[in-house]
Amino acid sequence: MEFHVENSQQTFHQGIIDYISDDSISFNNNYSTIGLTAKHGEPNLVDLDYEWSLLLKTMIQEVSSQYFENITSEKLNLNKIKVECWYICLDANDMSLSHVHPGSDISGCYYITVPKETKFNQGAIVFIDPRPAARYSKLLSGRQMIINPKPGLGLVFPGWLEHYVVPHTSREPRISLAWNINLLN
């Protein structure tokens, strides 16, 4: 599911950019990100004591609720979910390898900044056809959904859907947020 946040959210974006730019923020690179400058933040962005953190949590809950209702025809009980959210900052030639979000019921991503000077499909997120046998079909092989990011664009998808990020060659960073929602019993 695709969604868009209006340009009026620039203050929201700037708060996140300032947080990521803070040299004291630690990050690890032990997940899917690859590259000399790739940064993968801790999954605590919706739990921080900033106004943008509360706005982010609200946005994630709203779009994930809409996705859940579209899939199940039921309302998502926000009191019975766990939300984790982190940032991914990819500079030139950094990438995210093919991966899934294990154990996640609902996943998503949202683009904060996207390099202006990129060639076609650079920095794109690519969703791989989830049917393993389709990869071996001459008729269906290579079927992928490629989405070029734009600031304010967001995607919601099942955590089991395999995806990766194509590297870009721009000197500007590509900053996105990713999240998981786990349904609690």
Protein backbone atom coordinates (compact mmCIF):
# COMPACT_ATOMS: atom_id res chain seq x y z
CA MET A 1 0.00 0.00 0.00
CA GLU A 2 1.34 3.42 -0.94
CA PHE A 3 0.70 6.64 0.98
CA HIS A 4 1.90 10.24 0.79
CA VAL A 5 2.56 12.86 3.45
CA GLU A 6 2.09 16.48 2.39
CA ASN A 7 5.02 18.87 2.11
CA SER A 8 3.71 20.66 5.21
CA GLN A 9 5.58 18.01 7.20
CA GLN A 10 8.98 19.62 6.54
CA THR A 11 9.36 20.42 10.26
CA PHE A 12 8.71 16.74 10.97
CA HIS A 13 11.37 15.75 8.41
CA GLN A 14 13.90 18.29 9.71
CA GLY A 15 13.57 17.00 13.28
CA ILE A 16 14.42 13.49 12.11
CA ILE A 17 17.31 14.74 9.94
CA ASP A 18 18.71 16.71 12.89
CA TYR A 19 18.44 13.63 15.13
CA ILE A 20 20.25 11.42 12.61
CA SER A 21 22.92 14.08 12.04
CA ASP A 22 23.75 14.24 15.77
CA ASP A 23 27.21 12.71 16.09
CA SER A 24 26.39 11.28 19.52
CA ILE A 25 23.69 9.00 18.10
CA SER A 26 25.08 5.50 17.90
CA PHE A 27 24.14 3.20 15.08
CA ASN A 28 24.94 -0.32 14.08
CA ASN A 29 25.43 -1.76 10.66
CA ASN A 30 24.66 -5.40 11.38
CA TYR A 31 21.42 -5.69 9.46
CA SER A 32 20.86 -5.54 5.70
CA THR A 33 22.79 -2.34 4.99
CA ILE A 34 26.11 -2.57 3.14
CA GLY A 35 28.59 0.20 2.41
CA LEU A 36 31.29 2.28 3.99
CA THR A 37 28.89 4.98 5.18
CA ALA A 38 25.59 3.06 5.52
CA LYS A 39 23.82 3.75 8.82
CA HIS A 40 21.07 1.59 10.30
CA GLY A 41 19.63 3.13 13.45
CA GLU A 42 18.24 1.44 16.52
CA PRO A 43 14.52 0.50 16.41
CA ASN A 44 13.44 3.11 18.96
CA LEU A 45 12.43 6.18 16.92
CA VAL A 46 8.79 6.08 18.05
CA ASP A 47 9.80 5.93 21.72
CA LEU A 48 11.93 9.09 21.90
CA ASP A 49 11.01 12.28 23.72
CA TYR A 50 10.61 14.54 20.65
CA GLU A 51 7.51 15.99 19.02
CA TRP A 52 8.49 14.39 15.70
CA SER A 53 8.69 10.98 17.42
CA LEU A 54 5.04 11.23 18.52
CA LEU A 55 4.02 12.42 15.02
CA LEU A 56 5.94 9.49 13.51
CA LYS A 57 4.25 6.95 15.78
CA THR A 58 0.83 8.39 14.97
CA MET A 59 1.55 8.28 11.22
CA ILE A 60 2.75 4.66 11.41
CA GLN A 61 -0.29 3.62 13.43
CA GLU A 62 -2.70 5.36 11.03
CA VAL A 63 -1.27 3.96 7.79
CA SER A 64 -0.75 0.50 9.28
CA SER A 65 -4.34 0.51 10.58
CA GLN A 66 -5.57 1.39 7.10
CA TYR A 67 -3.47 -1.42 5.59
CA PHE A 68 -4.69 -3.91 8.23
CA GLU A 69 -8.32 -2.97 7.58
CA ASN A 70 -7.84 -3.29 3.80
CA ILE A 71 -6.41 -6.80 4.26
CA THR A 72 -8.67 -8.14 7.02
CA SER A 73 -11.80 -5.92 6.98
CA GLU A 74 -11.24 -5.51 10.72
CA LYS A 75 -10.02 -2.61 12.86
CA LEU A 76 -6.49 -2.78 14.22
CA ASN A 77 -6.44 -2.64 18.02
CA LEU A 78 -3.67 -0.11 18.72
CA ASN A 79 -3.49 -1.29 22.34
CA LYS A 80 -2.41 -4.73 21.13
CA ILE A 81 0.50 -3.89 18.87
CA LYS A 82 4.22 -3.32 19.27
CA VAL A 83 5.79 -0.69 16.98
CA GLU A 84 9.50 -0.54 16.17
CA CYS A 85 10.95 2.08 13.84
CA TRP A 86 14.50 2.89 12.74
CA TYR A 87 16.28 5.05 10.19
CA ILE A 88 18.43 3.98 7.28
CA CYS A 89 20.87 6.46 5.80
CA LEU A 90 22.49 5.40 2.52
CA ASP A 91 25.17 7.50 0.88
CA ALA A 92 26.72 6.94 -2.55
CA ASN A 93 27.17 3.24 -3.37
CA ASP A 94 25.58 2.08 -0.10
CA MET A 95 22.74 -0.41 -0.37
CA SER A 96 20.42 -2.70 1.49
CA LEU A 97 20.69 -6.39 0.64
CA SER A 98 17.70 -8.59 -0.08
CA HIS A 99 15.89 -9.27 3.19
CA VAL A 100 12.56 -9.75 4.97
CA HIS A 101 11.42 -8.53 8.39
CA PRO A 102 11.18 -11.82 10.35
CA GLY A 103 8.31 -12.06 12.78
CA SER A 104 6.75 -8.79 11.67
CA ASP A 105 3.05 -8.76 10.83
CA ILE A 106 3.13 -5.36 9.10
CA SER A 107 6.19 -3.52 7.82
CA GLY A 108 6.68 -0.22 6.10
CA CYS A 109 9.05 2.46 4.93
CA TYR A 110 8.88 6.21 4.54
CA TYR A 111 11.25 8.51 2.65
CA ILE A 112 12.66 11.61 4.33
CA THR A 113 15.31 12.64 1.79
CA VAL A 114 16.10 11.36 -1.68
CA PRO A 115 19.09 12.53 -3.75
CA LYS A 116 18.04 14.90 -6.53
CA GLU A 117 20.81 13.84 -8.89
CA THR A 118 20.15 10.14 -9.41
CA LYS A 119 19.81 8.07 -12.54
CA PHE A 120 16.73 5.96 -13.25
CA ASN A 121 16.01 3.43 -10.46
CA GLN A 122 19.01 4.44 -8.35
CA GLY A 123 18.02 4.29 -4.69
CA ALA A 124 14.83 2.39 -5.59
CA ILE A 125 13.26 -0.20 -3.34
CA VAL A 126 12.65 -3.48 -5.14
CA PHE A 127 10.08 -6.03 -4.00
CA ILE A 128 10.78 -9.57 -5.22
CA ASP A 129 8.01 -11.88 -6.44
CA PRO A 130 7.24 -14.02 -3.36
CA ARG A 131 6.47 -17.11 -5.43
CA PRO A 132 9.76 -19.06 -5.40
CA ALA A 133 8.92 -21.18 -8.44
CA ALA A 134 8.13 -18.06 -10.50
CA ARG A 135 11.83 -17.18 -10.40
CA TYR A 136 12.53 -20.22 -12.57
CA SER A 137 9.85 -19.55 -15.17
CA LYS A 138 10.91 -18.14 -18.52
CA LEU A 139 7.56 -16.34 -18.64
CA LEU A 140 7.66 -14.85 -15.15
CA SER A 141 11.33 -14.63 -14.20
CA GLY A 142 12.58 -11.22 -13.25
CA ARG A 143 9.17 -9.99 -12.11
CA GLN A 144 9.81 -7.39 -9.48
CA MET A 145 8.05 -4.29 -8.26
CA ILE A 146 10.41 -1.33 -8.43
CA ILE A 147 9.43 1.85 -6.60
CA ASN A 148 11.49 5.00 -6.95
CA PRO A 149 11.50 6.93 -3.68
CA LYS A 150 10.34 10.52 -3.21
CA PRO A 151 10.33 12.55 0.00
CA GLY A 152 6.97 12.08 1.69
CA LEU A 153 6.25 8.74 -0.01
CA GLY A 154 5.53 5.76 2.19
CA LEU A 155 4.85 2.07 1.66
CA VAL A 156 3.19 -0.53 3.87
CA PHE A 157 3.69 -4.23 3.14
CA PRO A 158 3.78 -7.65 4.83
CA GLY A 159 7.00 -8.32 6.74
CA TRP A 160 7.59 -11.55 4.80
CA LEU A 161 7.85 -9.74 1.45
CA GLU A 162 11.47 -9.90 0.29
CA HIS A 163 12.98 -6.57 -0.79
CA TYR A 164 16.23 -4.70 -1.30
CA VAL A 165 17.49 -1.19 -2.09
CA VAL A 166 19.47 -0.36 -5.23
CA PRO A 167 22.58 1.77 -4.62
CA HIS A 168 22.77 5.35 -5.89
CA THR A 169 25.78 7.41 -6.92
CA SER A 170 24.74 10.84 -5.65
CA ARG A 171 26.68 12.75 -3.03
CA GLU A 172 23.44 13.40 -1.17
CA PRO A 173 22.15 10.83 1.35
CA ARG A 174 18.98 8.80 0.93
CA ILE A 175 17.27 8.78 4.33
CA SER A 176 14.34 6.51 4.97
CA LEU A 177 12.51 5.19 7.97
CA ALA A 178 11.45 1.57 8.29
CA TRP A 179 9.13 -0.04 10.77
CA ASN A 180 7.64 -3.29 12.00
CA ILE A 181 4.35 -3.84 13.73
CA ASN A 182 3.84 -7.00 15.72
CA LEU A 183 0.33 -8.00 16.72
CA LEU A 184 0.15 -8.94 20.39
CA ASN A 185 -2.29 -11.49 21.76
